[in-house]
Amino acid sequence: VGLRAAKRALRLGHGLDLRAGLEVEDAAWRSVAFSGDRAEGVAAFNEKRPPQWPGE
């Protein structure tokens, strides 16, 4: 999820002015920060187990 969002932000943000680029970056961050993968990563870390990425 994170890599997909980063690639999309790079693709969409290339050549934009600062304000538009920051909007693309913010959208990418929000899509990752509230994803199922993030929740699973935090839970796996806290439980000291390998993560089972849901891909969402």
PDB file of N, CA and C in Angstrom:
ATOM      1  N   VAL A   1       0.834  -1.188   0.000  1.00  0.00           N
ATOM      2  CA  VAL A   1       0.000   0.000   0.000  1.00  0.00           C
ATOM      3  C   VAL A   1       0.878   1.251   0.000  1.00  0.00           C
ATOM      4  N   GLY A   2       1.880   1.257   0.840  1.00  0.00           N
ATOM      5  CA  GLY A   2       2.756   2.421   0.935  1.00  0.00           C
ATOM      6  C   GLY A   2       3.545   2.672  -0.338  1.00  0.00           C
ATOM      7  N   LEU A   3       4.099   1.620  -0.905  1.00  0.00           N
ATOM      8  CA  LEU A   3       4.872   1.770  -2.137  1.00  0.00           C
ATOM      9  C   LEU A   3       3.980   2.227  -3.280  1.00  0.00           C
ATOM     10  N   ARG A   4       2.793   1.661  -3.355  1.00  0.00           N
ATOM     11  CA  ARG A   4       1.837   2.066  -4.396  1.00  0.00           C
ATOM     12  C   ARG A   4       1.497   3.554  -4.270  1.00  0.00           C
ATOM     13  N   ALA A   5       1.259   4.011  -3.043  1.00  0.00           N
ATOM     14  CA  ALA A   5       0.929   5.420  -2.814  1.00  0.00           C
ATOM     15  C   ALA A   5       2.109   6.325  -3.159  1.00  0.00           C
ATOM     16  N   ALA A   6       3.320   5.889  -2.813  1.00  0.00           N
ATOM     17  CA  ALA A   6       4.506   6.695  -3.119  1.00  0.00           C
ATOM     18  C   ALA A   6       4.712   6.818  -4.621  1.00  0.00           C
ATOM     19  N   LYS A   7       4.567   5.715  -5.337  1.00  0.00           N
ATOM     20  CA  LYS A   7       4.725   5.751  -6.797  1.00  0.00           C
ATOM     21  C   LYS A   7       3.668   6.642  -7.439  1.00  0.00           C
ATOM     22  N   ARG A   8       2.453   6.536  -6.957  1.00  0.00           N
ATOM     23  CA  ARG A   8       1.373   7.369  -7.501  1.00  0.00           C
ATOM     24  C   ARG A   8       1.651   8.846  -7.233  1.00  0.00           C
ATOM     25  N   ALA A   9       2.109   9.171  -6.032  1.00  0.00           N
ATOM     26  CA  ALA A   9       2.409  10.565  -5.698  1.00  0.00           C
ATOM     27  C   ALA A   9       3.534  11.106  -6.575  1.00  0.00           C
ATOM     28  N   LEU A  10       4.550  10.294  -6.819  1.00  0.00           N
ATOM     29  CA  LEU A  10       5.641  10.729  -7.697  1.00  0.00           C
ATOM     30  C   LEU A  10       5.144  10.966  -9.114  1.00  0.00           C
ATOM     31  N   ARG A  11       4.330  10.043  -9.594  1.00  0.00           N
ATOM     32  CA  ARG A  11       3.801  10.155 -10.957  1.00  0.00           C
ATOM     33  C   ARG A  11       2.902  11.383 -11.096  1.00  0.00           C
ATOM     34  N   LEU A  12       2.005  11.584 -10.147  1.00  0.00           N
ATOM     35  CA  LEU A  12       1.068  12.705 -10.227  1.00  0.00           C
ATOM     36  C   LEU A  12       1.715  14.039  -9.869  1.00  0.00           C
ATOM     37  N   GLY A  13       2.689  14.011  -8.969  1.00  0.00           N
ATOM     38  CA  GLY A  13       3.269  15.250  -8.477  1.00  0.00           C
ATOM     39  C   GLY A  13       4.356  15.842  -9.350  1.00  0.00           C
ATOM     40  N   HIS A  14       4.871  15.048 -10.271  1.00  0.00           N
ATOM     41  CA  HIS A  14       5.966  15.522 -11.126  1.00  0.00           C
ATOM     42  C   HIS A  14       5.515  16.721 -11.958  1.00  0.00           C
ATOM     43  N   GLY A  15       6.220  17.811 -11.820  1.00  0.00           N
ATOM     44  CA  GLY A  15       5.928  18.993 -12.617  1.00  0.00           C
ATOM     45  C   GLY A  15       4.871  19.919 -12.042  1.00  0.00           C
ATOM     46  N   LEU A  16       4.310  19.585 -10.893  1.00  0.00           N
ATOM     47  CA  LEU A  16       3.302  20.449 -10.282  1.00  0.00           C
ATOM     48  C   LEU A  16       3.971  21.557  -9.474  1.00  0.00           C
ATOM     49  N   ASP A  17       3.232  22.625  -9.247  1.00  0.00           N
ATOM     50  CA  ASP A  17       3.755  23.661  -8.359  1.00  0.00           C
ATOM     51  C   ASP A  17       3.714  23.142  -6.918  1.00  0.00           C
ATOM     52  N   LEU A  18       4.308  23.885  -6.013  1.00  0.00           N
ATOM     53  CA  LEU A  18       4.451  23.425  -4.630  1.00  0.00           C
ATOM     54  C   LEU A  18       3.111  23.100  -3.986  1.00  0.00           C
ATOM     55  N   ARG A  19       2.152  23.985  -4.109  1.00  0.00           N
ATOM     56  CA  ARG A  19       0.852  23.774  -3.457  1.00  0.00           C
ATOM     57  C   ARG A  19       0.179  22.495  -3.972  1.00  0.00           C
ATOM     58  N   ALA A  20       0.135  22.320  -5.272  1.00  0.00           N
ATOM     59  CA  ALA A  20      -0.493  21.130  -5.853  1.00  0.00           C
ATOM     60  C   ALA A  20       0.288  19.874  -5.478  1.00  0.00           C
ATOM     61  N   GLY A  21       1.614  19.965  -5.469  1.00  0.00           N
ATOM     62  CA  GLY A  21       2.433  18.824  -5.078  1.00  0.00           C
ATOM     63  C   GLY A  21       2.195  18.414  -3.638  1.00  0.00           C
ATOM     64  N   LEU A  22       2.043  19.393  -2.767  1.00  0.00           N
ATOM     65  CA  LEU A  22       1.758  19.087  -1.362  1.00  0.00           C
ATOM     66  C   LEU A  22       0.382  18.454  -1.195  1.00  0.00           C
ATOM     67  N   GLU A  23      -0.573  18.846  -2.011  1.00  0.00           N
ATOM     68  CA  GLU A  23      -1.902  18.222  -1.961  1.00  0.00           C
ATOM     69  C   GLU A  23      -1.822  16.760  -2.379  1.00  0.00           C
ATOM     70  N   VAL A  24      -1.033  16.464  -3.410  1.00  0.00           N
ATOM     71  CA  VAL A  24      -0.841  15.075  -3.844  1.00  0.00           C
ATOM     72  C   VAL A  24      -0.164  14.279  -2.735  1.00  0.00           C
ATOM     73  N   GLU A  25       0.867  14.860  -2.125  1.00  0.00           N
ATOM     74  CA  GLU A  25       1.576  14.189  -1.037  1.00  0.00           C
ATOM     75  C   GLU A  25       0.653  13.933   0.152  1.00  0.00           C
ATOM     76  N   ASP A  26      -0.177  14.902   0.497  1.00  0.00           N
ATOM     77  CA  ASP A  26      -1.100  14.749   1.616  1.00  0.00           C
ATOM     78  C   ASP A  26      -2.103  13.626   1.348  1.00  0.00           C
ATOM     79  N   ALA A  27      -2.611  13.562   0.134  1.00  0.00           N
ATOM     80  CA  ALA A  27      -3.555  12.492  -0.215  1.00  0.00           C
ATOM     81  C   ALA A  27      -2.880  11.129  -0.111  1.00  0.00           C
ATOM     82  N   ALA A  28      -1.633  11.038  -0.554  1.00  0.00           N
ATOM     83  CA  ALA A  28      -0.899   9.770  -0.464  1.00  0.00           C
ATOM     84  C   ALA A  28      -0.692   9.381   0.997  1.00  0.00           C
ATOM     85  N   TRP A  29      -0.291  10.348   1.816  1.00  0.00           N
ATOM     86  CA  TRP A  29      -0.063  10.064   3.234  1.00  0.00           C
ATOM     87  C   TRP A  29      -1.345   9.575   3.899  1.00  0.00           C
ATOM     88  N   ARG A  30      -2.455  10.252   3.620  1.00  0.00           N
ATOM     89  CA  ARG A  30      -3.726   9.863   4.242  1.00  0.00           C
ATOM     90  C   ARG A  30      -4.153   8.459   3.831  1.00  0.00           C
ATOM     91  N   SER A  31      -3.899   8.091   2.586  1.00  0.00           N
ATOM     92  CA  SER A  31      -4.294   6.758   2.128  1.00  0.00           C
ATOM     93  C   SER A  31      -3.492   5.672   2.834  1.00  0.00           C
ATOM     94  N   VAL A  32      -2.286   5.989   3.261  1.00  0.00           N
ATOM     95  CA  VAL A  32      -1.434   5.011   3.944  1.00  0.00           C
ATOM     96  C   VAL A  32      -1.625   5.072   5.457  1.00  0.00           C
ATOM     97  N   ALA A  33      -1.726   6.268   6.007  1.00  0.00           N
ATOM     98  CA  ALA A  33      -1.786   6.441   7.458  1.00  0.00           C
ATOM     99  C   ALA A  33      -3.013   5.787   8.081  1.00  0.00           C
ATOM    100  N   PHE A  34      -4.075   5.665   7.329  1.00  0.00           N
ATOM    101  CA  PHE A  34      -5.310   5.086   7.867  1.00  0.00           C
ATOM    102  C   PHE A  34      -5.653   3.755   7.198  1.00  0.00           C
ATOM    103  N   SER A  35      -4.630   3.060   6.681  1.00  0.00           N
ATOM    104  CA  SER A  35      -4.860   1.810   5.954  1.00  0.00           C
ATOM    105  C   SER A  35      -4.865   0.605   6.892  1.00  0.00           C
ATOM    106  N   GLY A  36      -5.404  -0.483   6.399  1.00  0.00           N
ATOM    107  CA  GLY A  36      -5.374  -1.737   7.136  1.00  0.00           C
ATOM    108  C   GLY A  36      -3.958  -2.251   7.318  1.00  0.00           C
ATOM    109  N   ASP A  37      -3.092  -1.991   6.327  1.00  0.00           N
ATOM    110  CA  ASP A  37      -1.699  -2.417   6.438  1.00  0.00           C
ATOM    111  C   ASP A  37      -0.998  -1.721   7.600  1.00  0.00           C
ATOM    112  N   ARG A  38      -1.260  -0.441   7.779  1.00  0.00           N
ATOM    113  CA  ARG A  38      -0.631   0.277   8.897  1.00  0.00           C
ATOM    114  C   ARG A  38      -1.087  -0.300  10.228  1.00  0.00           C
ATOM    115  N   ALA A  39      -2.382  -0.527  10.347  1.00  0.00           N
ATOM    116  CA  ALA A  39      -2.915  -1.090  11.589  1.00  0.00           C
ATOM    117  C   ALA A  39      -2.304  -2.463  11.861  1.00  0.00           C
ATOM    118  N   GLU A  40      -2.176  -3.281  10.826  1.00  0.00           N
ATOM    119  CA  GLU A  40      -1.581  -4.607  10.989  1.00  0.00           C
ATOM    120  C   GLU A  40      -0.106  -4.501  11.352  1.00  0.00           C
ATOM    121  N   GLY A  41       0.609  -3.565  10.738  1.00  0.00           N
ATOM    122  CA  GLY A  41       2.023  -3.387  11.054  1.00  0.00           C
ATOM    123  C   GLY A  41       2.242  -3.006  12.506  1.00  0.00           C
ATOM    124  N   VAL A  42       1.443  -2.094  13.005  1.00  0.00           N
ATOM    125  CA  VAL A  42       1.554  -1.672  14.408  1.00  0.00           C
ATOM    126  C   VAL A  42       1.194  -2.829  15.337  1.00  0.00           C
ATOM    127  N   ALA A  43       0.111  -3.536  15.020  1.00  0.00           N
ATOM    128  CA  ALA A  43      -0.305  -4.663  15.863  1.00  0.00           C
ATOM    129  C   ALA A  43       0.762  -5.756  15.875  1.00  0.00           C
ATOM    130  N   ALA A  44       1.309  -6.079  14.712  1.00  0.00           N
ATOM    131  CA  ALA A  44       2.338  -7.117  14.634  1.00  0.00           C
ATOM    132  C   ALA A  44       3.580  -6.716  15.422  1.00  0.00           C
ATOM    133  N   PHE A  45       3.978  -5.456  15.316  1.00  0.00           N
ATOM    134  CA  PHE A  45       5.135  -4.975  16.069  1.00  0.00           C
ATOM    135  C   PHE A  45       4.883  -5.103  17.568  1.00  0.00           C
ATOM    136  N   ASN A  46       3.733  -4.651  18.021  1.00  0.00           N
ATOM    137  CA  ASN A  46       3.413  -4.705  19.451  1.00  0.00           C
ATOM    138  C   ASN A  46       3.321  -6.133  19.964  1.00  0.00           C
ATOM    139  N   GLU A  47       2.855  -7.045  19.109  1.00  0.00           N
ATOM    140  CA  GLU A  47       2.710  -8.446  19.503  1.00  0.00           C
ATOM    141  C   GLU A  47       3.958  -9.273  19.195  1.00  0.00           C
ATOM    142  N   LYS A  48       4.989  -8.619  18.647  1.00  0.00           N
ATOM    143  CA  LYS A  48       6.261  -9.273  18.315  1.00  0.00           C
ATOM    144  C   LYS A  48       6.052 -10.488  17.417  1.00  0.00           C
ATOM    145  N   ARG A  49       5.335 -10.268  16.329  1.00  0.00           N
ATOM    146  CA  ARG A  49       5.070 -11.333  15.363  1.00  0.00           C
ATOM    147  C   ARG A  49       5.219 -10.760  13.957  1.00  0.00           C
ATOM    148  N   PRO A  50       5.413 -11.630  12.977  1.00  0.00           N
ATOM    149  CA  PRO A  50       5.483 -11.131  11.596  1.00  0.00           C
ATOM    150  C   PRO A  50       4.114 -10.611  11.152  1.00  0.00           C
ATOM    151  N   PRO A  51       4.087  -9.544  10.387  1.00  0.00           N
ATOM    152  CA  PRO A  51       2.799  -9.009   9.928  1.00  0.00           C
ATOM    153  C   PRO A  51       2.172  -9.880   8.846  1.00  0.00           C
ATOM    154  N   GLN A  52       0.874  -9.881   8.801  1.00  0.00           N
ATOM    155  CA  GLN A  52       0.103 -10.533   7.740  1.00  0.00           C
ATOM    156  C   GLN A  52      -0.600  -9.417   6.977  1.00  0.00           C
ATOM    157  N   TRP A  53       0.055  -8.891   5.947  1.00  0.00           N
ATOM    158  CA  TRP A  53      -0.432  -7.702   5.242  1.00  0.00           C
ATOM    159  C   TRP A  53      -1.739  -7.970   4.512  1.00  0.00           C
ATOM    160  N   PRO A  54      -2.792  -7.213   4.831  1.00  0.00           N
ATOM    161  CA  PRO A  54      -4.063  -7.385   4.121  1.00  0.00           C
ATOM    162  C   PRO A  54      -4.062  -6.733   2.740  1.00  0.00           C
ATOM    163  N   GLY A  55      -3.126  -5.820   2.486  1.00  0.00           N
ATOM    164  CA  GLY A  55      -3.062  -5.156   1.186  1.00  0.00           C
ATOM    165  C   GLY A  55      -4.155  -4.128   0.981  1.00  0.00           C
ATOM    166  N   GLU A  56      -4.593  -3.520   2.059  1.00  0.00           N
ATOM    167  CA  GLU A  56      -5.661  -2.505   1.962  1.00  0.00           C
ATOM    168  C   GLU A  56      -5.297  -1.261   2.701  1.00  0.00           C
TER     169      GLU A  56
END
